[in-house]
Amino acid sequence: MPTGSRRRDTPPPRTGPTEVEVLRGFLDHLRDAIAAKVEDAPEPQVRTAQVPSGTNLLGLLNHLVFVERATFLGDRVADWQATFHAAPQDSVAEVVARYRAVTVRANAVLDACADLGAPVPRPRPNSPAPSLRWALTHLIEETGRHAGHADILRELIDGRTGR
């Protein structure tokens, strides 16, 4: 088993008192956690399957780019399984930058929404958008789930733990 540096966990965020501030605070906290797990991971281990399912660290972050785009920006994804693998020419820095950029765009959409019960304003005709509340909760669940996977994969790569 690799030995690496252990970092202290970053505690959950202190957020404002409103429901939207709590949900967005936790989502941003999870977004930062998974990006940090990937951003300095070594090649080729970052894209090497560490478990029998074929899951790899860079692929998890690449997948979340597509989840954010589909949920908040209205993009369609034809093959969700394919999103779990970054293109061979994509560097770690490029995938991390793409993820951070899509979260900025998603947050801009969220900034324009005042009512958590209203549908996410995304350009996808003939397909009803979920409520903002549902979208935020789904992204917290999806990002949290994959951040947990990333914790394990990163520890298998170089022993690094913590958020």
Protein backbone atom coordinates (compact mmCIF):
# COMPACT_ATOMS: atom_id res chain seq x y z
CA MET A 1 0.00 0.00 0.00
CA PRO A 2 1.36 3.44 -0.91
CA THR A 3 2.26 5.79 1.86
CA GLY A 4 1.45 9.43 1.44
CA SER A 5 0.69 12.58 3.28
CA ARG A 6 -2.35 12.73 5.48
CA ARG A 7 -4.23 16.00 5.48
CA ARG A 8 -6.71 17.15 8.02
CA ASP A 9 -10.28 16.99 6.89
CA THR A 10 -11.90 20.27 6.05
CA PRO A 11 -15.06 20.60 8.15
CA PRO A 12 -18.47 21.17 6.58
CA PRO A 13 -19.03 24.75 5.52
CA ARG A 14 -20.63 27.40 7.66
CA THR A 15 -23.43 28.68 5.49
CA GLY A 16 -26.08 31.31 5.70
CA PRO A 17 -29.45 30.58 7.26
CA THR A 18 -31.51 30.04 4.10
CA GLU A 19 -32.16 26.71 2.44
CA VAL A 20 -30.49 27.79 -0.78
CA GLU A 21 -27.37 29.00 1.07
CA VAL A 22 -27.10 25.67 2.88
CA LEU A 23 -27.57 23.59 -0.27
CA ARG A 24 -25.17 25.67 -2.36
CA GLY A 25 -22.61 25.80 0.45
CA PHE A 26 -22.53 22.02 0.74
CA LEU A 27 -22.43 21.55 -3.04
CA ASP A 28 -19.50 23.95 -3.41
CA HIS A 29 -17.72 22.22 -0.51
CA LEU A 30 -18.05 18.85 -2.25
CA ARG A 31 -17.01 20.32 -5.61
CA ASP A 32 -13.83 21.69 -4.04
CA ALA A 33 -13.13 18.38 -2.28
CA ILE A 34 -13.26 16.24 -5.41
CA ALA A 35 -11.30 18.72 -7.53
CA ALA A 36 -8.59 18.78 -4.85
CA LYS A 37 -8.39 14.97 -4.90
CA VAL A 38 -7.70 15.00 -8.62
CA GLU A 39 -5.71 18.17 -9.32
CA ASP A 40 -2.26 16.93 -8.35
CA ALA A 41 -2.73 13.18 -8.79
CA PRO A 42 0.12 11.51 -10.66
CA GLU A 43 -0.05 10.17 -14.20
CA PRO A 44 -0.75 7.47 -15.28
CA GLN A 45 -2.33 6.33 -12.00
CA VAL A 46 -4.95 9.11 -12.13
CA ARG A 47 -6.54 7.42 -15.16
CA THR A 48 -5.72 3.83 -14.25
CA ALA A 49 -8.53 1.64 -12.95
CA GLN A 50 -7.89 0.95 -9.28
CA VAL A 51 -10.89 -1.32 -8.71
CA PRO A 52 -12.53 -4.15 -10.70
CA SER A 53 -15.35 -1.87 -11.95
CA GLY A 54 -12.79 0.11 -13.96
CA THR A 55 -13.35 3.34 -12.03
CA ASN A 56 -10.48 5.80 -12.15
CA LEU A 57 -9.91 9.13 -10.46
CA LEU A 58 -9.77 11.34 -13.57
CA GLY A 59 -12.82 9.62 -15.01
CA LEU A 60 -14.88 10.46 -11.92
CA LEU A 61 -14.18 14.16 -12.33
CA ASN A 62 -14.80 13.98 -16.08
CA HIS A 63 -18.18 12.35 -15.35
CA LEU A 64 -19.10 15.17 -12.97
CA VAL A 65 -18.42 17.71 -15.73
CA PHE A 66 -21.18 16.03 -17.73
CA VAL A 67 -23.52 15.77 -14.72
CA GLU A 68 -23.21 19.51 -14.05
CA ARG A 69 -23.72 20.36 -17.71
CA ALA A 70 -26.76 18.09 -18.06
CA THR A 71 -28.40 19.25 -14.83
CA PHE A 72 -27.82 22.98 -14.92
CA LEU A 73 -26.99 23.81 -18.55
CA GLY A 74 -29.36 21.47 -20.38
CA ASP A 75 -26.77 19.41 -22.27
CA ARG A 76 -27.83 15.96 -23.42
CA VAL A 77 -25.59 12.97 -22.77
CA ALA A 78 -25.93 10.04 -25.15
CA ASP A 79 -23.68 7.60 -23.28
CA TRP A 80 -23.28 8.13 -19.54
CA GLN A 81 -20.82 5.22 -19.20
CA ALA A 82 -18.46 6.92 -21.64
CA THR A 83 -18.30 10.00 -19.42
CA PHE A 84 -16.39 8.01 -16.80
CA HIS A 85 -13.26 8.11 -18.96
CA ALA A 86 -11.33 11.23 -19.89
CA ALA A 87 -9.89 11.38 -23.39
CA PRO A 88 -6.29 10.14 -23.56
CA GLN A 89 -5.07 13.59 -24.64
CA ASP A 90 -6.78 15.34 -21.70
CA SER A 91 -4.33 16.28 -18.98
CA VAL A 92 -5.27 16.34 -15.31
CA ALA A 93 -5.03 20.14 -15.36
CA GLU A 94 -7.40 20.33 -18.35
CA VAL A 95 -10.07 18.14 -16.75
CA VAL A 96 -9.82 20.02 -13.44
CA ALA A 97 -10.06 23.36 -15.30
CA ARG A 98 -13.06 22.09 -17.30
CA TYR A 99 -14.77 21.01 -14.06
CA ARG A 100 -14.10 24.32 -12.33
CA ALA A 101 -15.33 26.23 -15.40
CA VAL A 102 -18.58 24.27 -15.62
CA THR A 103 -19.26 24.83 -11.91
CA VAL A 104 -18.82 28.57 -12.46
CA ARG A 105 -21.34 28.41 -15.33
CA ALA A 106 -23.72 26.29 -13.23
CA ASN A 107 -23.46 28.76 -10.35
CA ALA A 108 -24.32 31.59 -12.71
CA VAL A 109 -27.54 29.74 -13.55
CA LEU A 110 -28.20 29.20 -9.86
CA ASP A 111 -27.54 32.87 -9.09
CA ALA A 112 -30.43 33.78 -11.38
CA CYS A 113 -32.86 31.52 -9.51
CA ALA A 114 -34.67 32.82 -6.45
CA ASP A 115 -37.29 30.10 -5.96
CA LEU A 116 -36.12 26.58 -5.07
CA GLY A 117 -39.45 25.21 -6.28
CA ALA A 118 -39.08 26.70 -9.76
CA PRO A 119 -37.66 24.61 -12.60
CA VAL A 120 -33.99 24.99 -13.45
CA PRO A 121 -33.91 27.39 -16.42
CA ARG A 122 -32.10 25.27 -18.95
CA PRO A 123 -32.40 25.22 -22.73
CA ARG A 124 -33.81 21.74 -23.34
CA PRO A 125 -37.06 21.91 -25.30
CA ASN A 126 -39.62 19.12 -24.90
CA SER A 127 -38.04 17.96 -21.65
CA PRO A 128 -39.30 19.24 -18.31
CA ALA A 129 -36.59 20.63 -16.07
CA PRO A 130 -36.41 19.52 -12.44
CA SER A 131 -36.94 21.99 -9.64
CA LEU A 132 -33.92 23.87 -8.42
CA ARG A 133 -34.28 22.11 -5.05
CA TRP A 134 -34.20 18.69 -6.72
CA ALA A 135 -31.24 19.67 -8.92
CA LEU A 136 -29.19 20.94 -5.99
CA THR A 137 -30.00 17.88 -3.88
CA HIS A 138 -29.16 15.56 -6.76
CA LEU A 139 -25.82 17.29 -7.37
CA ILE A 140 -24.97 17.10 -3.66
CA GLU A 141 -25.74 13.36 -3.71
CA GLU A 142 -23.90 12.70 -6.98
CA THR A 143 -20.85 14.80 -6.13
CA GLY A 144 -20.68 13.45 -2.56
CA ARG A 145 -20.91 9.86 -3.77
CA HIS A 146 -18.10 10.33 -6.26
CA ALA A 147 -16.02 12.38 -3.81
CA GLY A 148 -16.13 9.33 -1.52
CA HIS A 149 -15.00 7.13 -4.39
CA ALA A 150 -12.23 9.63 -5.10
CA ASP A 151 -11.07 9.48 -1.47
CA ILE A 152 -10.55 5.73 -1.76
CA LEU A 153 -8.96 5.87 -5.21
CA ARG A 154 -6.53 8.59 -4.19
CA GLU A 155 -5.50 6.66 -1.10
CA LEU A 156 -4.87 3.58 -3.27
CA ILE A 157 -2.72 5.68 -5.65
CA ASP A 158 -0.39 7.39 -3.20
CA GLY A 159 -1.76 7.10 0.31
CA ARG A 160 -3.08 10.65 0.41
CA THR A 161 -6.12 11.08 2.62
CA GLY A 162 -8.25 13.96 3.88
CA ARG A 163 -10.15 16.71 2.13
